[in-house]
PDB file of all heavy atoms in Angstrom:
ATOM      1  N   PRO A   1       0.837  -1.236  -0.002  1.00  0.00           N
ATOM      2  CA  PRO A   1      -0.019   0.005  -0.002  1.00  0.00           C
ATOM      3  C   PRO A   1       0.845   1.296  -0.012  1.00  0.00           C
ATOM      4  O   PRO A   1       0.350   2.322  -0.378  1.00  0.00           O
ATOM      5  CB  PRO A   1      -0.840  -0.117   1.295  1.00  0.00           C
ATOM      6  CG  PRO A   1      -0.097  -1.067   2.133  1.00  0.00           C
ATOM      7  CD  PRO A   1       0.542  -2.045   1.201  1.00  0.00           C
ATOM      8  N   GLU A   2       2.047   1.202   0.417  1.00  0.00           N
ATOM      9  CA  GLU A   2       2.972   2.360   0.466  1.00  0.00           C
ATOM     10  C   GLU A   2       3.834   2.458  -0.756  1.00  0.00           C
ATOM     11  O   GLU A   2       4.708   3.368  -0.836  1.00  0.00           O
ATOM     12  CB  GLU A   2       3.754   2.352   1.710  1.00  0.00           C
ATOM     13  CG  GLU A   2       2.963   2.435   3.021  1.00  0.00           C
ATOM     14  CD  GLU A   2       3.817   2.850   4.181  1.00  0.00           C
ATOM     15  OE1 GLU A   2       4.580   3.781   4.073  1.00  0.00           O
ATOM     16  OE2 GLU A   2       3.705   2.134   5.183  1.00  0.00           O
ATOM     17  N   PHE A   3       3.660   1.571  -1.754  1.00  0.00           N
ATOM     18  CA  PHE A   3       4.490   1.610  -2.937  1.00  0.00           C
ATOM     19  C   PHE A   3       4.296   2.917  -3.729  1.00  0.00           C
ATOM     20  O   PHE A   3       3.163   3.380  -3.934  1.00  0.00           O
ATOM     21  CB  PHE A   3       4.175   0.406  -3.837  1.00  0.00           C
ATOM     22  CG  PHE A   3       4.926   0.472  -5.136  1.00  0.00           C
ATOM     23  CD1 PHE A   3       6.276   0.171  -5.231  1.00  0.00           C
ATOM     24  CD2 PHE A   3       4.256   0.885  -6.320  1.00  0.00           C
ATOM     25  CE1 PHE A   3       6.928   0.212  -6.440  1.00  0.00           C
ATOM     26  CE2 PHE A   3       4.975   0.885  -7.520  1.00  0.00           C
ATOM     27  CZ  PHE A   3       6.314   0.584  -7.585  1.00  0.00           C
ATOM     28  N   PHE A   4       5.367   3.497  -4.211  1.00  0.00           N
ATOM     29  CA  PHE A   4       5.317   4.641  -5.153  1.00  0.00           C
ATOM     30  C   PHE A   4       6.582   4.618  -5.996  1.00  0.00           C
ATOM     31  O   PHE A   4       7.646   4.269  -5.570  1.00  0.00           O
ATOM     32  CB  PHE A   4       5.157   5.948  -4.360  1.00  0.00           C
ATOM     33  CG  PHE A   4       6.370   6.320  -3.535  1.00  0.00           C
ATOM     34  CD1 PHE A   4       7.310   7.245  -4.032  1.00  0.00           C
ATOM     35  CD2 PHE A   4       6.575   5.708  -2.285  1.00  0.00           C
ATOM     36  CE1 PHE A   4       8.425   7.611  -3.285  1.00  0.00           C
ATOM     37  CE2 PHE A   4       7.708   6.133  -1.498  1.00  0.00           C
ATOM     38  CZ  PHE A   4       8.613   7.066  -2.037  1.00  0.00           C
ATOM     39  N   LYS A   5       6.366   5.076  -7.216  1.00  0.00           N
ATOM     40  CA  LYS A   5       7.461   5.348  -8.166  1.00  0.00           C
ATOM     41  C   LYS A   5       7.726   6.821  -8.195  1.00  0.00           C
ATOM     42  O   LYS A   5       6.813   7.628  -8.069  1.00  0.00           O
ATOM     43  CB  LYS A   5       7.165   4.747  -9.544  1.00  0.00           C
ATOM     44  CG  LYS A   5       7.014   3.262  -9.600  1.00  0.00           C
ATOM     45  CD  LYS A   5       6.776   2.773 -10.989  1.00  0.00           C
ATOM     46  CE  LYS A   5       5.388   3.116 -11.518  1.00  0.00           C
ATOM     47  NZ  LYS A   5       5.042   2.445 -12.753  1.00  0.00           N
ATOM     48  N   GLN A   6       9.019   7.181  -8.456  1.00  0.00           N
ATOM     49  CA  GLN A   6       9.310   8.588  -8.444  1.00  0.00           C
ATOM     50  C   GLN A   6      10.579   8.889  -9.211  1.00  0.00           C
ATOM     51  O   GLN A   6      11.537   8.131  -9.159  1.00  0.00           O
ATOM     52  CB  GLN A   6       9.478   9.089  -6.979  1.00  0.00           C
ATOM     53  CG  GLN A   6       9.604  10.588  -6.835  1.00  0.00           C
ATOM     54  CD  GLN A   6       9.572  11.058  -5.411  1.00  0.00           C
ATOM     55  OE1 GLN A   6      10.456  10.776  -4.663  1.00  0.00           O
ATOM     56  NE2 GLN A   6       8.490  11.748  -5.013  1.00  0.00           N
ATOM     57  N   ILE A   7      10.502  10.022  -9.939  1.00  0.00           N
ATOM     58  CA  ILE A   7      11.643  10.589 -10.661  1.00  0.00           C
ATOM     59  C   ILE A   7      12.056  11.858  -9.956  1.00  0.00           C
ATOM     60  O   ILE A   7      11.245  12.810  -9.893  1.00  0.00           O
ATOM     61  CB  ILE A   7      11.275  10.910 -12.117  1.00  0.00           C
ATOM     62  CG1 ILE A   7      10.668   9.655 -12.806  1.00  0.00           C
ATOM     63  CG2 ILE A   7      12.584  11.363 -12.854  1.00  0.00           C
ATOM     64  CD1 ILE A   7      11.609   8.454 -12.910  1.00  0.00           C
ATOM     65  N   THR A   8      13.261  11.934  -9.409  1.00  0.00           N
ATOM     66  CA  THR A   8      13.735  13.155  -8.722  1.00  0.00           C
ATOM     67  C   THR A   8      14.714  13.816  -9.659  1.00  0.00           C
ATOM     68  O   THR A   8      15.678  13.193 -10.218  1.00  0.00           O
ATOM     69  CB  THR A   8      14.435  12.727  -7.396  1.00  0.00           C
ATOM     70  OG1 THR A   8      13.471  12.109  -6.535  1.00  0.00           O
ATOM     71  CG2 THR A   8      14.986  13.958  -6.719  1.00  0.00           C
ATOM     72  N   ILE A   9      14.571  15.134  -9.748  1.00  0.00           N
ATOM     73  CA  ILE A   9      15.396  15.940 -10.659  1.00  0.00           C
ATOM     74  C   ILE A   9      15.960  17.150  -9.907  1.00  0.00           C
ATOM     75  O   ILE A   9      15.219  17.886  -9.293  1.00  0.00           O
ATOM     76  CB  ILE A   9      14.554  16.450 -11.889  1.00  0.00           C
ATOM     77  CG1 ILE A   9      13.886  15.214 -12.592  1.00  0.00           C
ATOM     78  CG2 ILE A   9      15.384  17.243 -12.816  1.00  0.00           C
ATOM     79  CD1 ILE A   9      12.708  15.643 -13.457  1.00  0.00           C
ATOM     80  N   THR A  10      17.305  17.303  -9.989  1.00  0.00           N
ATOM     81  CA  THR A  10      17.926  18.438  -9.292  1.00  0.00           C
ATOM     82  C   THR A  10      18.854  19.126 -10.278  1.00  0.00           C
ATOM     83  O   THR A  10      19.552  18.493 -11.070  1.00  0.00           O
ATOM     84  CB  THR A  10      18.751  17.973  -8.082  1.00  0.00           C
ATOM     85  OG1 THR A  10      19.675  16.900  -8.441  1.00  0.00           O
ATOM     86  CG2 THR A  10      17.814  17.463  -7.000  1.00  0.00           C
ATOM     87  N   PHE A  11      18.899  20.457 -10.243  1.00  0.00           N
ATOM     88  CA  PHE A  11      19.748  21.220 -11.187  1.00  0.00           C
ATOM     89  C   PHE A  11      19.809  22.696 -10.809  1.00  0.00           C
ATOM     90  O   PHE A  11      19.056  23.211  -9.998  1.00  0.00           O
ATOM     91  CB  PHE A  11      19.176  21.105 -12.597  1.00  0.00           C
ATOM     92  CG  PHE A  11      17.797  21.726 -12.785  1.00  0.00           C
ATOM     93  CD1 PHE A  11      17.683  23.002 -13.333  1.00  0.00           C
ATOM     94  CD2 PHE A  11      16.654  21.016 -12.473  1.00  0.00           C
ATOM     95  CE1 PHE A  11      16.425  23.580 -13.546  1.00  0.00           C
ATOM     96  CE2 PHE A  11      15.407  21.585 -12.658  1.00  0.00           C
ATOM     97  CZ  PHE A  11      15.298  22.894 -13.179  1.00  0.00           C
ATOM     98  N   ASN A  12      20.805  23.400 -11.415  1.00  0.00           N
ATOM     99  CA  ASN A  12      20.897  24.837 -11.382  1.00  0.00           C
ATOM    100  C   ASN A  12      20.241  25.428 -12.621  1.00  0.00           C
ATOM    101  O   ASN A  12      20.545  25.015 -13.731  1.00  0.00           O
ATOM    102  CB  ASN A  12      22.367  25.283 -11.336  1.00  0.00           C
ATOM    103  CG  ASN A  12      23.081  24.786 -10.059  1.00  0.00           C
ATOM    104  OD1 ASN A  12      23.843  23.831 -10.104  1.00  0.00           O
ATOM    105  ND2 ASN A  12      22.829  25.396  -8.920  1.00  0.00           N
ATOM    106  N   PRO A  13      19.391  26.388 -12.493  1.00  0.00           N
ATOM    107  CA  PRO A  13      18.619  26.909 -13.660  1.00  0.00           C
ATOM    108  C   PRO A  13      19.310  27.990 -14.460  1.00  0.00           C
ATOM    109  O   PRO A  13      19.011  29.147 -14.322  1.00  0.00           O
ATOM    110  CB  PRO A  13      17.375  27.478 -12.940  1.00  0.00           C
ATOM    111  CG  PRO A  13      17.942  28.026 -11.616  1.00  0.00           C
ATOM    112  CD  PRO A  13      19.057  27.047 -11.237  1.00  0.00           C
ATOM    113  N   TRP A  14      20.178  27.616 -15.360  1.00  0.00           N
ATOM    114  CA  TRP A  14      21.007  28.615 -16.026  1.00  0.00           C
ATOM    115  C   TRP A  14      20.223  29.399 -17.124  1.00  0.00           C
ATOM    116  O   TRP A  14      20.490  30.538 -17.361  1.00  0.00           O
ATOM    117  CB  TRP A  14      22.223  27.946 -16.699  1.00  0.00           C
ATOM    118  CG  TRP A  14      23.162  27.416 -15.667  1.00  0.00           C
ATOM    119  CD1 TRP A  14      23.600  26.124 -15.522  1.00  0.00           C
ATOM    120  CD2 TRP A  14      23.813  28.125 -14.595  1.00  0.00           C
ATOM    121  NE1 TRP A  14      24.426  25.981 -14.445  1.00  0.00           N
ATOM    122  CE2 TRP A  14      24.550  27.198 -13.846  1.00  0.00           C
ATOM    123  CE3 TRP A  14      23.762  29.485 -14.207  1.00  0.00           C
ATOM    124  CZ2 TRP A  14      25.339  27.585 -12.710  1.00  0.00           C
ATOM    125  CZ3 TRP A  14      24.505  29.812 -13.092  1.00  0.00           C
ATOM    126  CH2 TRP A  14      25.248  28.927 -12.408  1.00  0.00           C
ATOM    127  N   SER A  15      19.234  28.801 -17.721  1.00  0.00           N
ATOM    128  CA  SER A  15      18.503  29.557 -18.830  1.00  0.00           C
ATOM    129  C   SER A  15      17.019  29.209 -18.827  1.00  0.00           C
ATOM    130  O   SER A  15      16.673  28.030 -18.753  1.00  0.00           O
ATOM    131  CB  SER A  15      19.182  29.170 -20.177  1.00  0.00           C
ATOM    132  OG  SER A  15      18.390  29.661 -21.255  1.00  0.00           O
ATOM    133  N   GLU A  16      16.214  30.182 -19.054  1.00  0.00           N
ATOM    134  CA  GLU A  16      14.760  29.980 -19.181  1.00  0.00           C
ATOM    135  C   GLU A  16      14.388  29.312 -20.501  1.00  0.00           C
ATOM    136  O   GLU A  16      13.281  28.803 -20.610  1.00  0.00           O
ATOM    137  CB  GLU A  16      14.028  31.301 -19.095  1.00  0.00           C
ATOM    138  CG  GLU A  16      14.381  32.236 -20.248  1.00  0.00           C
ATOM    139  CD  GLU A  16      13.572  33.534 -20.223  1.00  0.00           C
ATOM    140  OE1 GLU A  16      12.765  33.723 -19.276  1.00  0.00           O
ATOM    141  OE2 GLU A  16      13.744  34.410 -21.108  1.00  0.00           O
ATOM    142  N   ARG A  17      15.327  29.204 -21.430  1.00  0.00           N
ATOM    143  CA  ARG A  17      15.085  28.496 -22.670  1.00  0.00           C
ATOM    144  C   ARG A  17      15.193  27.022 -22.604  1.00  0.00           C
ATOM    145  O   ARG A  17      14.919  26.295 -23.557  1.00  0.00           O
ATOM    146  CB  ARG A  17      16.015  29.057 -23.770  1.00  0.00           C
ATOM    147  CG  ARG A  17      15.809  30.546 -24.081  1.00  0.00           C
ATOM    148  CD  ARG A  17      16.737  31.060 -25.128  1.00  0.00           C
ATOM    149  NE  ARG A  17      18.105  31.161 -24.636  1.00  0.00           N
ATOM    150  CZ  ARG A  17      19.130  31.674 -25.346  1.00  0.00           C
ATOM    151  NH1 ARG A  17      18.922  32.151 -26.542  1.00  0.00           N
ATOM    152  NH2 ARG A  17      20.351  31.711 -24.835  1.00  0.00           N
ATOM    153  N   HIS A  18      15.627  26.484 -21.471  1.00  0.00           N
ATOM    154  CA  HIS A  18      15.784  25.045 -21.324  1.00  0.00           C
ATOM    155  C   HIS A  18      14.451  24.339 -21.263  1.00  0.00           C
ATOM    156  O   HIS A  18      13.510  24.848 -20.652  1.00  0.00           O
ATOM    157  CB  HIS A  18      16.646  24.742 -20.095  1.00  0.00           C
ATOM    158  CG  HIS A  18      17.307  23.431 -20.083  1.00  0.00           C
ATOM    159  ND1 HIS A  18      16.651  22.247 -19.749  1.00  0.00           N
ATOM    160  CD2 HIS A  18      18.568  23.035 -20.435  1.00  0.00           C
ATOM    161  CE1 HIS A  18      17.481  21.219 -19.846  1.00  0.00           C
ATOM    162  NE2 HIS A  18      18.627  21.648 -20.289  1.00  0.00           N
ATOM    163  N   TRP A  19      14.369  23.080 -21.677  1.00  0.00           N
ATOM    164  CA  TRP A  19      13.129  22.299 -21.697  1.00  0.00           C
ATOM    165  C   TRP A  19      12.637  21.991 -20.337  1.00  0.00           C
ATOM    166  O   TRP A  19      11.432  21.720 -20.134  1.00  0.00           O
ATOM    167  CB  TRP A  19      13.299  20.965 -22.493  1.00  0.00           C
ATOM    168  CG  TRP A  19      14.339  20.048 -21.940  1.00  0.00           C
ATOM    169  CD1 TRP A  19      15.659  19.952 -22.308  1.00  0.00           C
ATOM    170  CD2 TRP A  19      14.125  19.056 -20.935  1.00  0.00           C
ATOM    171  NE1 TRP A  19      16.258  18.967 -21.529  1.00  0.00           N
ATOM    172  CE2 TRP A  19      15.335  18.366 -20.717  1.00  0.00           C
ATOM    173  CE3 TRP A  19      13.010  18.623 -20.176  1.00  0.00           C
ATOM    174  CZ2 TRP A  19      15.504  17.321 -19.776  1.00  0.00           C
ATOM    175  CZ3 TRP A  19      13.163  17.629 -19.223  1.00  0.00           C
ATOM    176  CH2 TRP A  19      14.390  16.972 -19.080  1.00  0.00           C
ATOM    177  N   LEU A  20      13.482  22.057 -19.328  1.00  0.00           N
ATOM    178  CA  LEU A  20      13.050  21.810 -17.942  1.00  0.00           C
ATOM    179  C   LEU A  20      11.997  22.812 -17.468  1.00  0.00           C
ATOM    180  O   LEU A  20      11.124  22.472 -16.673  1.00  0.00           O
ATOM    181  CB  LEU A  20      14.273  21.841 -17.010  1.00  0.00           C
ATOM    182  CG  LEU A  20      15.197  20.652 -17.089  1.00  0.00           C
ATOM    183  CD1 LEU A  20      16.560  20.983 -16.423  1.00  0.00           C
ATOM    184  CD2 LEU A  20      14.611  19.391 -16.399  1.00  0.00           C
ATOM    185  N   LYS A  21      12.144  24.042 -17.925  1.00  0.00           N
ATOM    186  CA  LYS A  21      11.167  25.099 -17.419  1.00  0.00           C
ATOM    187  C   LYS A  21       9.729  24.800 -17.876  1.00  0.00           C
ATOM    188  O   LYS A  21       8.818  24.725 -16.977  1.00  0.00           O
ATOM    189  CB  LYS A  21      11.607  26.452 -17.918  1.00  0.00           C
ATOM    190  CG  LYS A  21      10.818  27.635 -17.375  1.00  0.00           C
ATOM    191  CD  LYS A  21      11.358  28.952 -17.813  1.00  0.00           C
ATOM    192  CE  LYS A  21      10.622  30.166 -17.257  1.00  0.00           C
ATOM    193  NZ  LYS A  21       9.252  30.262 -17.794  1.00  0.00           N
ATOM    194  N   PRO A  22       9.411  24.681 -19.147  1.00  0.00           N
ATOM    195  CA  PRO A  22       8.015  24.389 -19.487  1.00  0.00           C
ATOM    196  C   PRO A  22       7.558  23.015 -19.038  1.00  0.00           C
ATOM    197  O   PRO A  22       6.352  22.812 -18.746  1.00  0.00           O
ATOM    198  CB  PRO A  22       7.981  24.504 -21.040  1.00  0.00           C
ATOM    199  CG  PRO A  22       9.404  24.277 -21.431  1.00  0.00           C
ATOM    200  CD  PRO A  22      10.236  24.810 -20.337  1.00  0.00           C
ATOM    201  N   THR A  23       8.461  22.052 -18.906  1.00  0.00           N
ATOM    202  CA  THR A  23       8.046  20.730 -18.537  1.00  0.00           C
ATOM    203  C   THR A  23       7.675  20.545 -17.079  1.00  0.00           C
ATOM    204  O   THR A  23       6.774  19.822 -16.769  1.00  0.00           O
ATOM    205  CB  THR A  23       9.205  19.738 -18.890  1.00  0.00           C
ATOM    206  OG1 THR A  23       9.584  19.883 -20.264  1.00  0.00           O
ATOM    207  CG2 THR A  23       8.780  18.286 -18.634  1.00  0.00           C
ATOM    208  N   PHE A  24       8.344  21.306 -16.231  1.00  0.00           N
ATOM    209  CA  PHE A  24       8.094  21.104 -14.782  1.00  0.00           C
ATOM    210  C   PHE A  24       7.768  22.345 -13.972  1.00  0.00           C
ATOM    211  O   PHE A  24       7.356  22.258 -12.811  1.00  0.00           O
ATOM    212  CB  PHE A  24       9.324  20.430 -14.141  1.00  0.00           C
ATOM    213  CG  PHE A  24       9.646  19.074 -14.718  1.00  0.00           C
ATOM    214  CD1 PHE A  24      10.835  18.864 -15.394  1.00  0.00           C
ATOM    215  CD2 PHE A  24       8.776  18.038 -14.552  1.00  0.00           C
ATOM    216  CE1 PHE A  24      11.125  17.639 -15.925  1.00  0.00           C
ATOM    217  CE2 PHE A  24       9.062  16.782 -15.058  1.00  0.00           C
ATOM    218  CZ  PHE A  24      10.280  16.609 -15.769  1.00  0.00           C
TER     219      PHE A  24
END
């Protein structure tokens, strides 16, 4: 019952043009 899957993402945000911004 406590099972969960997870993707953890860590980074420094150098540019607003990066795909990470609209995605997350």
